[in-house]
Protein backbone atom coordinates (compact mmCIF):
# COMPACT_ATOMS: atom_id res chain seq x y z
CA MET A 1 -9.73 73.62 -64.43
CA ILE A 2 -11.25 76.98 -66.22
CA GLY A 3 -13.65 75.00 -68.43
CA ARG A 4 -14.67 72.87 -65.29
CA PHE A 5 -15.22 75.66 -62.93
CA ARG A 6 -18.28 75.32 -61.24
CA PHE A 7 -19.41 79.01 -61.83
CA THR A 8 -23.20 78.50 -60.88
CA GLU A 9 -22.38 77.12 -57.58
CA PHE A 10 -19.85 79.61 -56.83
CA GLN A 11 -22.15 82.51 -57.71
CA LEU A 12 -24.65 81.24 -55.48
CA LEU A 13 -22.46 80.68 -52.49
CA ILE A 14 -22.19 84.57 -52.53
CA VAL A 15 -25.50 84.95 -50.56
CA PRO A 16 -24.83 82.39 -47.85
CA SER A 17 -21.52 83.96 -47.33
CA LEU A 18 -22.61 87.57 -47.05
CA ALA A 19 -25.87 86.30 -45.09
CA THR A 20 -23.77 84.38 -42.56
CA ILE A 21 -21.19 87.04 -42.21
CA ILE A 22 -23.35 90.30 -42.12
CA GLY A 23 -25.97 88.14 -39.99
CA LEU A 24 -23.33 87.43 -37.07
CA LEU A 25 -22.18 91.44 -37.45
CA THR A 26 -25.57 92.57 -36.91
CA ILE A 27 -26.21 90.17 -33.80
CA TYR A 28 -22.74 91.64 -32.23
CA LEU A 29 -23.74 95.29 -33.07
CA ALA A 30 -27.43 94.97 -31.58
CA SER A 31 -26.03 93.15 -28.59
CA THR A 32 -23.37 95.46 -27.91
CA GLY A 33 -24.66 98.73 -29.12
CA THR A 34 -21.30 99.95 -30.35
CA LEU A 35 -19.73 99.89 -33.70
CA ASP A 36 -16.27 99.28 -32.33
CA TRP A 37 -15.75 95.70 -33.87
CA ASP A 38 -12.72 93.73 -35.53
CA TRP A 39 -12.54 90.39 -37.39
CA ARG A 40 -12.34 88.37 -34.15
CA ASP A 41 -16.06 89.16 -33.51
CA ILE A 42 -17.30 87.41 -36.58
CA TRP A 43 -14.54 84.71 -36.90
CA ILE A 44 -17.21 81.83 -36.72
CA SER A 45 -18.80 82.79 -39.61
CA ILE A 46 -15.72 83.54 -41.70
CA ALA A 47 -14.41 80.16 -40.68
CA PHE A 48 -17.40 78.24 -41.99
CA MET A 49 -17.81 80.12 -45.18
CA GLY A 50 -13.99 79.82 -46.03
CA ALA A 51 -14.50 75.96 -45.58
CA VAL A 52 -17.41 76.05 -47.90
CA ILE A 53 -15.79 77.81 -50.63
CA ALA A 54 -12.68 75.87 -50.20
CA ILE A 55 -14.48 72.80 -51.19
CA SER A 56 -16.47 74.66 -53.94
CA LEU A 57 -13.18 75.04 -55.24
CA TRP A 58 -11.90 71.80 -54.45
CA PHE A 59 -14.97 70.24 -56.52
CA SER A 60 -13.67 72.20 -59.56
CA VAL A 61 -10.11 71.20 -59.12
CA THR A 62 -11.26 67.55 -58.82
CA LYS A 63 -13.31 67.95 -61.95
CA PHE A 64 -16.76 67.17 -60.06
CA ALA A 65 -19.58 67.52 -62.56
CA GLY A 66 -22.35 66.89 -60.15
CA ASP A 67 -25.55 68.98 -59.08
CA GLN A 68 -24.20 72.79 -58.47
CA VAL A 69 -27.38 73.88 -56.44
CA ILE A 70 -27.66 71.57 -53.40
CA PHE A 71 -24.55 72.30 -51.74
CA PRO A 72 -25.24 76.35 -51.68
CA LEU A 73 -28.71 75.53 -50.39
CA THR A 74 -27.13 73.56 -47.44
CA ALA A 75 -24.46 76.25 -46.73
CA LEU A 76 -27.19 78.69 -46.63
CA LEU A 77 -29.28 76.46 -44.27
CA CYS A 78 -26.28 75.76 -42.08
CA GLY A 79 -25.19 79.69 -42.08
CA VAL A 80 -28.92 80.31 -40.70
CA GLY A 81 -28.25 77.57 -37.88
CA LEU A 82 -25.04 79.06 -36.91
CA LEU A 83 -26.30 82.50 -36.73
CA VAL A 84 -29.38 81.15 -34.70
CA ILE A 85 -27.01 79.33 -32.37
CA GLN A 86 -24.48 82.53 -31.91
CA ARG A 87 -27.57 84.54 -31.24
CA LEU A 88 -28.79 82.15 -28.45
CA GLU A 89 -25.16 82.09 -26.80
CA PRO A 90 -26.32 83.97 -23.67
CA ALA A 91 -29.19 81.60 -23.14
CA LEU A 92 -27.18 78.44 -23.75
CA ALA A 93 -24.44 79.78 -21.31
CA ALA A 94 -26.96 80.17 -18.75
CA LEU A 95 -28.09 76.45 -18.93
CA GLY A 96 -24.17 75.35 -18.09
CA PRO A 97 -20.70 75.37 -18.76
CA GLY A 98 -21.40 72.79 -21.81
CA TYR A 99 -23.66 74.90 -23.61
CA ALA A 100 -21.61 78.04 -23.29
CA LEU A 101 -19.46 76.46 -25.86
CA LEU A 102 -22.19 75.37 -28.48
CA PRO A 103 -21.48 77.98 -31.09
CA GLU A 104 -17.87 76.54 -31.21
CA ARG A 105 -18.87 72.90 -31.24
CA GLN A 106 -21.47 73.47 -33.99
CA LEU A 107 -18.67 75.09 -35.99
CA LEU A 108 -16.63 71.98 -35.34
CA TYR A 109 -19.31 69.81 -36.43
CA LEU A 110 -19.65 71.83 -39.62
CA TRP A 111 -16.01 71.53 -40.57
CA VAL A 112 -16.40 67.69 -40.00
CA GLY A 113 -19.57 67.38 -41.99
CA LEU A 114 -18.09 69.40 -44.81
CA GLY A 115 -14.89 66.93 -44.70
CA MET A 116 -17.31 64.07 -45.10
CA LEU A 117 -19.16 65.39 -47.92
CA ALA A 118 -16.06 66.26 -49.92
CA PHE A 119 -14.71 62.74 -48.94
CA VAL A 120 -17.96 61.14 -50.30
CA VAL A 121 -17.99 63.31 -53.43
CA VAL A 122 -14.33 63.33 -54.65
CA PHE A 123 -13.09 60.02 -53.40
CA ILE A 124 -16.15 57.44 -53.64
CA ARG A 125 -16.49 56.99 -57.30
CA ARG A 126 -18.82 54.06 -57.24
CA LEU A 127 -22.07 53.37 -54.99
CA ASP A 128 -22.14 49.51 -55.95
CA TRP A 129 -20.47 48.41 -52.74
CA LEU A 130 -23.15 49.92 -50.93
CA ARG A 131 -25.55 47.77 -53.02
CA ARG A 132 -23.80 44.65 -52.37
CA TYR A 133 -23.90 44.65 -48.69
CA LYS A 134 -27.51 46.01 -48.26
CA TYR A 135 -28.52 43.28 -45.41
CA THR A 136 -25.03 44.25 -43.68
CA TRP A 137 -26.43 47.70 -43.55
CA ALA A 138 -29.85 46.92 -42.62
CA VAL A 139 -28.86 44.42 -39.66
CA GLY A 140 -25.98 46.70 -38.63
CA SER A 141 -28.21 49.65 -38.19
CA ILE A 142 -30.74 47.54 -36.16
CA LEU A 143 -27.98 45.88 -33.86
CA LEU A 144 -26.54 49.73 -33.35
CA MET A 145 -30.25 50.44 -32.13
CA ILE A 146 -30.39 47.56 -30.12
CA VAL A 147 -26.82 48.26 -28.38
CA THR A 148 -28.17 51.73 -27.64
CA MET A 149 -31.43 50.45 -26.23
CA ILE A 150 -29.37 48.39 -23.68
CA PHE A 151 -26.37 50.39 -22.93
CA GLY A 152 -27.16 53.93 -24.16
CA THR A 153 -27.85 56.97 -22.01
CA GLU A 154 -31.41 57.96 -21.10
CA VAL A 155 -32.29 61.47 -21.26
CA LYS A 156 -35.88 62.71 -20.49
CA GLY A 157 -37.20 58.99 -20.71
CA ALA A 158 -35.66 58.25 -24.27
CA ARG A 159 -32.63 56.06 -24.31
CA LEU A 160 -31.10 57.35 -27.82
CA TRP A 161 -27.60 58.26 -27.35
CA LEU A 162 -24.45 56.14 -27.24
CA SER A 163 -21.50 57.17 -25.33
CA VAL A 164 -18.33 56.39 -26.98
CA GLY A 165 -15.30 57.90 -24.92
CA PRO A 166 -15.89 61.70 -24.61
CA PHE A 167 -18.45 61.57 -27.43
CA THR A 168 -21.99 60.96 -27.56
CA VAL A 169 -23.81 59.63 -30.75
CA GLN A 170 -27.39 59.53 -31.34
CA THR A 171 -27.45 56.04 -33.33
CA SER A 172 -30.75 56.70 -35.02
CA GLU A 173 -29.16 59.16 -37.23
CA ILE A 174 -26.81 56.60 -38.55
CA ALA A 175 -29.53 53.94 -38.68
CA LYS A 176 -31.84 55.99 -40.75
CA ILE A 177 -29.15 56.23 -43.57
CA GLY A 178 -28.50 52.46 -43.37
CA LEU A 179 -32.26 51.53 -43.61
CA VAL A 180 -32.60 53.58 -46.80
CA VAL A 181 -29.53 52.20 -48.54
CA PHE A 182 -31.26 48.92 -47.78
CA LEU A 183 -34.50 49.63 -49.32
CA ALA A 184 -32.88 51.42 -52.23
CA ALA A 185 -30.85 48.40 -53.20
CA TYR A 186 -33.76 45.70 -52.33
CA LEU A 187 -36.05 47.71 -54.36
CA ALA A 188 -33.42 48.29 -57.51
CA GLU A 189 -33.09 44.35 -57.40
CA ASN A 190 -36.78 43.60 -57.24
CA GLU A 191 -38.72 46.46 -58.96
CA ASP A 192 -40.04 44.39 -61.66
CA LEU A 193 -41.56 41.83 -59.04
CA ILE A 194 -42.79 44.72 -56.67
CA VAL A 195 -44.90 46.35 -59.21
CA ALA A 196 -46.41 42.95 -60.13
CA LYS A 197 -50.11 41.64 -59.39
CA TYR A 198 -51.50 38.49 -58.53
CA ARG A 199 -54.93 37.80 -59.03
CA VAL A 200 -56.85 35.49 -57.24
CA GLY A 201 -60.49 35.16 -58.46
CA PRO A 202 -61.74 38.73 -58.87
CA PHE A 203 -59.12 40.28 -56.60
CA ASN A 204 -55.89 41.52 -57.21
CA PHE A 205 -53.37 41.19 -54.57
CA PRO A 206 -49.74 42.77 -54.12
CA PRO A 207 -46.50 40.60 -54.34
CA ILE A 208 -46.80 39.67 -50.49
CA PRO A 209 -43.69 37.22 -50.57
CA TYR A 210 -41.48 40.08 -52.14
CA LEU A 211 -42.46 42.86 -49.71
CA MET A 212 -42.07 40.75 -46.85
CA PRO A 213 -38.20 41.48 -46.21
CA ILE A 214 -38.86 45.05 -46.60
CA VAL A 215 -41.88 44.81 -43.98
CA VAL A 216 -40.03 42.50 -41.48
CA MET A 217 -36.76 44.65 -41.23
CA TRP A 218 -38.95 47.90 -41.13
CA ALA A 219 -40.89 46.48 -38.13
CA PHE A 220 -38.03 45.16 -36.21
CA SER A 221 -36.46 48.52 -36.58
CA MET A 222 -39.81 50.25 -35.61
CA LEU A 223 -39.83 47.86 -32.41
CA VAL A 224 -36.37 48.77 -31.61
CA VAL A 225 -37.32 52.48 -31.81
CA VAL A 226 -40.42 52.21 -29.86
CA ALA A 227 -38.54 50.60 -27.01
CA GLN A 228 -36.12 53.36 -27.14
CA ASN A 229 -39.14 55.64 -26.47
CA ASP A 230 -38.06 57.43 -29.58
CA LEU A 231 -41.41 57.82 -31.18
CA GLY A 232 -40.13 60.78 -33.71
CA THR A 233 -37.88 58.42 -35.39
CA ALA A 234 -40.41 55.75 -35.65
CA LEU A 235 -42.70 58.18 -37.55
CA LEU A 236 -39.90 59.13 -39.74
CA PHE A 237 -38.91 55.59 -40.64
CA PHE A 238 -42.58 54.57 -41.33
CA GLY A 239 -43.10 58.00 -43.67
CA VAL A 240 -39.73 56.94 -45.66
CA LEU A 241 -40.81 53.42 -46.08
CA LEU A 242 -44.11 54.54 -47.66
CA ALA A 243 -42.22 57.07 -49.75
CA MET A 244 -39.89 54.62 -51.18
CA ILE A 245 -42.37 52.01 -51.80
CA TYR A 246 -44.67 54.45 -53.71
CA VAL A 247 -41.69 55.78 -55.72
CA ALA A 248 -41.07 52.00 -56.70
CA SER A 249 -44.56 50.84 -57.21
CA GLY A 250 -46.46 54.05 -58.24
CA ARG A 251 -49.47 52.64 -56.53
CA LEU A 252 -51.31 55.20 -54.23
CA SER A 253 -53.10 51.99 -52.40
CA TYR A 254 -49.93 50.90 -50.92
CA VAL A 255 -49.67 54.29 -49.09
CA LEU A 256 -53.42 54.22 -48.17
CA VAL A 257 -53.09 50.73 -46.56
CA GLY A 258 -49.89 52.16 -45.01
CA LEU A 259 -51.50 55.29 -43.55
CA LEU A 260 -54.46 53.26 -42.21
CA SER A 261 -52.21 50.75 -40.43
CA PHE A 262 -50.26 53.81 -38.98
CA ALA A 263 -53.47 55.35 -37.57
CA GLY A 264 -53.87 51.99 -35.87
CA ALA A 265 -50.74 52.19 -34.50
CA VAL A 266 -51.03 55.71 -33.22
CA VAL A 267 -54.07 54.71 -31.42
CA LEU A 268 -52.51 51.95 -29.75
CA ALA A 269 -49.43 53.95 -28.80
CA TYR A 270 -51.82 56.91 -27.03
CA GLN A 271 -53.43 53.70 -24.97
CA GLN A 272 -49.82 52.55 -23.99
CA PHE A 273 -47.46 55.34 -23.65
CA GLY A 274 -47.99 58.31 -21.45
CA ARG A 275 -45.46 60.31 -23.18
CA VAL A 276 -47.61 60.01 -26.15
CA GLN A 277 -50.34 61.07 -24.28
CA LEU A 278 -48.64 64.31 -23.03
CA ARG A 279 -47.74 65.32 -26.40
CA VAL A 280 -51.22 64.92 -27.77
CA GLN A 281 -52.33 66.76 -24.77
CA ASN A 282 -50.04 69.59 -25.57
CA TRP A 283 -50.71 69.65 -29.22
CA LEU A 284 -54.44 70.09 -28.73
CA ASP A 285 -54.54 72.58 -25.85
CA PRO A 286 -51.11 73.13 -24.18
CA TRP A 287 -52.94 75.93 -21.79
CA GLN A 288 -54.26 73.03 -19.57
CA ASP A 289 -50.88 73.16 -17.91
CA PRO A 290 -49.14 76.58 -19.21
CA LEU A 291 -46.34 76.48 -16.56
CA ASP A 292 -45.14 73.08 -16.73
CA THR A 293 -46.12 70.31 -19.29
CA GLY A 294 -47.09 73.15 -21.86
CA PHE A 295 -44.57 75.58 -21.09
CA GLN A 296 -42.44 74.89 -23.92
CA GLN A 297 -45.48 75.21 -26.65
CA VAL A 298 -46.86 78.37 -24.97
CA GLN A 299 -43.62 80.14 -25.08
CA SER A 300 -42.82 79.06 -28.58
CA GLU A 301 -46.37 80.16 -29.66
CA TYR A 302 -45.79 83.59 -27.88
CA ALA A 303 -42.60 84.01 -29.70
CA MET A 304 -43.77 83.48 -33.06
CA ALA A 305 -46.79 85.62 -32.65
CA SER A 306 -44.36 88.27 -31.27
CA GLY A 307 -42.63 88.12 -34.59
CA GLY A 308 -45.35 89.41 -36.75
CA LEU A 309 -44.68 89.68 -40.36
CA PHE A 310 -41.02 91.00 -40.27
CA GLY A 311 -39.87 90.01 -36.91
CA SER A 312 -38.16 91.69 -33.95
CA GLY A 313 -35.06 91.58 -35.78
CA LEU A 314 -31.68 89.39 -34.89
CA ALA A 315 -30.76 89.80 -31.27
CA PHE A 316 -33.82 91.69 -30.71
CA GLY A 317 -36.25 89.09 -29.54
CA SER A 318 -36.31 86.83 -26.31
CA PRO A 319 -36.03 83.37 -27.72
CA GLY A 320 -34.33 82.41 -24.54
CA PHE A 321 -37.52 81.86 -22.62
CA ILE A 322 -38.23 78.56 -24.71
CA PRO A 323 -36.58 75.37 -23.18
CA GLU A 324 -34.57 73.45 -25.71
CA VAL A 325 -34.98 76.33 -28.30
CA HIS A 326 -31.59 75.43 -29.76
CA SER A 327 -32.82 72.34 -31.02
CA ASP A 328 -36.78 71.22 -31.01
CA TYR A 329 -37.91 74.90 -31.15
CA VAL A 330 -35.14 76.69 -33.32
CA PHE A 331 -37.84 77.24 -35.94
CA ALA A 332 -39.77 79.44 -33.26
CA ALA A 333 -36.65 81.47 -32.58
CA VAL A 334 -36.57 82.07 -36.33
CA GLY A 335 -39.83 83.19 -36.22
CA GLU A 336 -39.56 85.80 -33.60
CA GLU A 337 -36.63 87.45 -35.20
CA LEU A 338 -37.13 87.01 -38.65
CA GLY A 339 -40.93 87.09 -38.47
CA LEU A 340 -43.26 85.26 -41.13
CA LEU A 341 -41.24 86.10 -43.86
CA GLY A 342 -38.20 84.79 -42.32
CA THR A 343 -39.76 81.45 -41.68
CA PHE A 344 -41.52 81.39 -45.15
CA ALA A 345 -37.84 81.84 -46.76
CA ILE A 346 -36.41 78.88 -44.85
CA LEU A 347 -39.30 76.88 -45.82
CA MET A 348 -38.79 77.61 -49.39
CA LEU A 349 -35.04 76.76 -49.09
CA PHE A 350 -36.29 73.14 -47.71
CA LEU A 351 -38.53 73.05 -50.58
CA ILE A 352 -35.79 73.89 -52.95
CA LEU A 353 -33.60 71.36 -51.51
CA VAL A 354 -36.08 68.57 -51.74
CA PHE A 355 -37.35 69.32 -55.33
CA ARG A 356 -33.41 68.95 -56.32
CA GLY A 357 -33.10 65.98 -54.36
CA PHE A 358 -35.86 64.34 -56.26
CA PHE A 359 -34.79 65.80 -59.47
CA ILE A 360 -31.45 63.92 -59.02
CA ALA A 361 -33.47 60.93 -58.32
CA MET A 362 -35.39 61.23 -61.73
CA GLN A 363 -32.11 61.71 -63.56
CA ALA A 364 -30.31 59.13 -62.03
CA ARG A 365 -29.43 56.45 -64.94
CA ASP A 366 -29.47 53.26 -62.55
CA PRO A 367 -32.33 52.13 -60.26
CA PHE A 368 -30.17 51.88 -56.98
CA GLY A 369 -28.96 55.57 -57.80
CA ARG A 370 -32.86 56.43 -58.01
CA TYR A 371 -34.19 54.66 -54.79
CA LEU A 372 -31.42 55.83 -53.13
CA ALA A 373 -31.55 59.80 -54.01
CA ALA A 374 -35.65 59.26 -53.29
CA GLY A 375 -35.06 57.80 -50.12
CA LEU A 376 -32.34 60.29 -48.80
CA THR A 377 -34.51 63.27 -50.18
CA SER A 378 -37.55 61.55 -48.19
CA ILE A 379 -35.63 61.60 -44.94
CA LEU A 380 -34.99 65.35 -45.23
CA ALA A 381 -38.34 66.32 -46.47
CA ILE A 382 -40.29 64.07 -43.80
CA GLN A 383 -37.76 65.07 -40.97
CA THR A 384 -38.45 68.82 -41.78
CA LEU A 385 -42.13 68.23 -41.98
CA ILE A 386 -42.51 66.69 -38.86
CA ILE A 387 -40.48 69.39 -36.76
CA LEU A 388 -42.12 72.39 -38.25
CA GLY A 389 -45.41 70.75 -38.07
CA GLY A 390 -44.67 69.92 -34.55
CA THR A 391 -43.70 73.69 -33.89
CA VAL A 392 -46.55 75.28 -35.04
CA ARG A 393 -48.86 72.90 -33.77
CA LEU A 394 -50.10 71.07 -36.81
CA ILE A 395 -49.14 67.79 -35.58
CA PRO A 396 -47.77 66.85 -31.97
CA LEU A 397 -44.42 67.78 -31.44
CA THR A 398 -41.64 64.77 -31.40
CA GLY A 399 -38.22 64.96 -30.49
CA ILE A 400 -36.03 65.20 -33.66
CA THR A 401 -34.05 68.19 -35.31
CA LEU A 402 -34.41 70.51 -37.80
CA PRO A 403 -31.90 69.60 -40.68
CA PHE A 404 -29.01 71.82 -40.70
CA VAL A 405 -30.43 74.34 -38.53
CA SER A 406 -30.84 72.73 -35.18
CA ALA A 407 -27.92 72.23 -32.83
CA GLY A 408 -26.71 68.60 -32.76
CA GLY A 409 -23.60 66.67 -33.81
CA SER A 410 -24.98 63.40 -34.96
CA SER A 411 -27.83 64.90 -36.85
CA LEU A 412 -25.57 67.45 -38.66
CA LEU A 413 -23.16 65.04 -39.70
CA SER A 414 -25.81 62.40 -40.94
CA ASN A 415 -27.25 65.21 -43.03
CA PHE A 416 -23.78 65.93 -44.42
CA LEU A 417 -23.63 62.37 -45.39
CA ILE A 418 -26.92 62.58 -47.14
CA ILE A 419 -25.93 65.69 -49.34
CA GLY A 420 -22.59 63.85 -50.12
CA LEU A 421 -24.46 61.03 -51.61
CA LEU A 422 -26.72 62.97 -53.61
CA LEU A 423 -24.08 64.78 -54.79
CA ARG A 424 -22.40 61.65 -55.78
CA VAL A 425 -25.53 60.30 -57.55
CA SER A 426 -26.18 63.68 -59.73
CA ASP A 427 -22.51 63.40 -61.17
CA PRO A 428 -23.32 62.14 -64.92
CA ARG A 429 -20.12 60.38 -65.04
CA ARG A 430 -20.64 58.04 -62.10
CA THR A 431 -20.68 54.57 -62.75
CA ALA A 432 -23.02 52.14 -60.81
């Protein structure tokens, strides 16, 4: 065990451990104004980091030889999310009894997500079974979204959640992984044909017959997502498709054609959906209706502006004025209390995470592992770009979460599954 101890990973976990524990202690001291505290006041952070360190040690015991950077990055982002949600507890409690328990629920989701990650890393030695059932994952993902569209729970005009007993699941979080598995498997089996060119006279054409299964599967999933009124997920699916096609072909022309078609779809969506028109209006000028439709965006910009360079400090801001701050606008809460430097630090963590994900893809020994790692990393990258761009008004806001930081069980669990698969691909001893 000593020779296989994951020393780099264990060292890197010191930072998230201290940040999570000291951060929660800071929130408690700032909120109470007293130095009289005991370990029960920071039990949530201790419970989370205890589970993280235990899993790292378990990786050493099981002689896992994969990447040692991604797991500490994930732990630090999750720790920031846990601190933000704990910081927002009074505001969340004001929203209702269910919100008052959100910090404990987030800790439970983190435990379950860590368990899923450890299971994938330690017990799933081969990934070829994912490749063999590629059409099953694709069709299953689409059927899951159809079921949600028909029987799901509608919230604020979007039918995204499926209730199963006491649990509520956002099925698009599962579907995005299933569709990436399908794309990775299909591209791995047809990569030579995807890059081929067919010449007709003076013109070169892409291999349309071999691209059609991808396009049809993607188009059908997009129709279902749009019918659910989940335009943020539609944008995510589209971005991931373009990224994976580019990785497989290396042709910028495919991306340009895709972006042109996307521009046409955006114009059509703007004409057909009032919700899209409202989001575009808030993007261009939220001050048209600052007390109603633009209220969230205006309060978010006030929060980030008041944070300045260094922020107001943990528990010294007023992020509770922002509706849905724990999900859509969690980045604004970070900006208010940690300032520009804090938001820059969060952005750098995501950039390093994405870099490590694509590095794993480049180092993968088999095509399926390469495309799977690239697709899963693209999910994290594009989802982060969409929500951060919406928060700072670079693009219209769409209702998706900031990975690992925003509250949300389905998103958190699916992202832990993504990290587990990336770690599994990174193992040099992995067989296809």
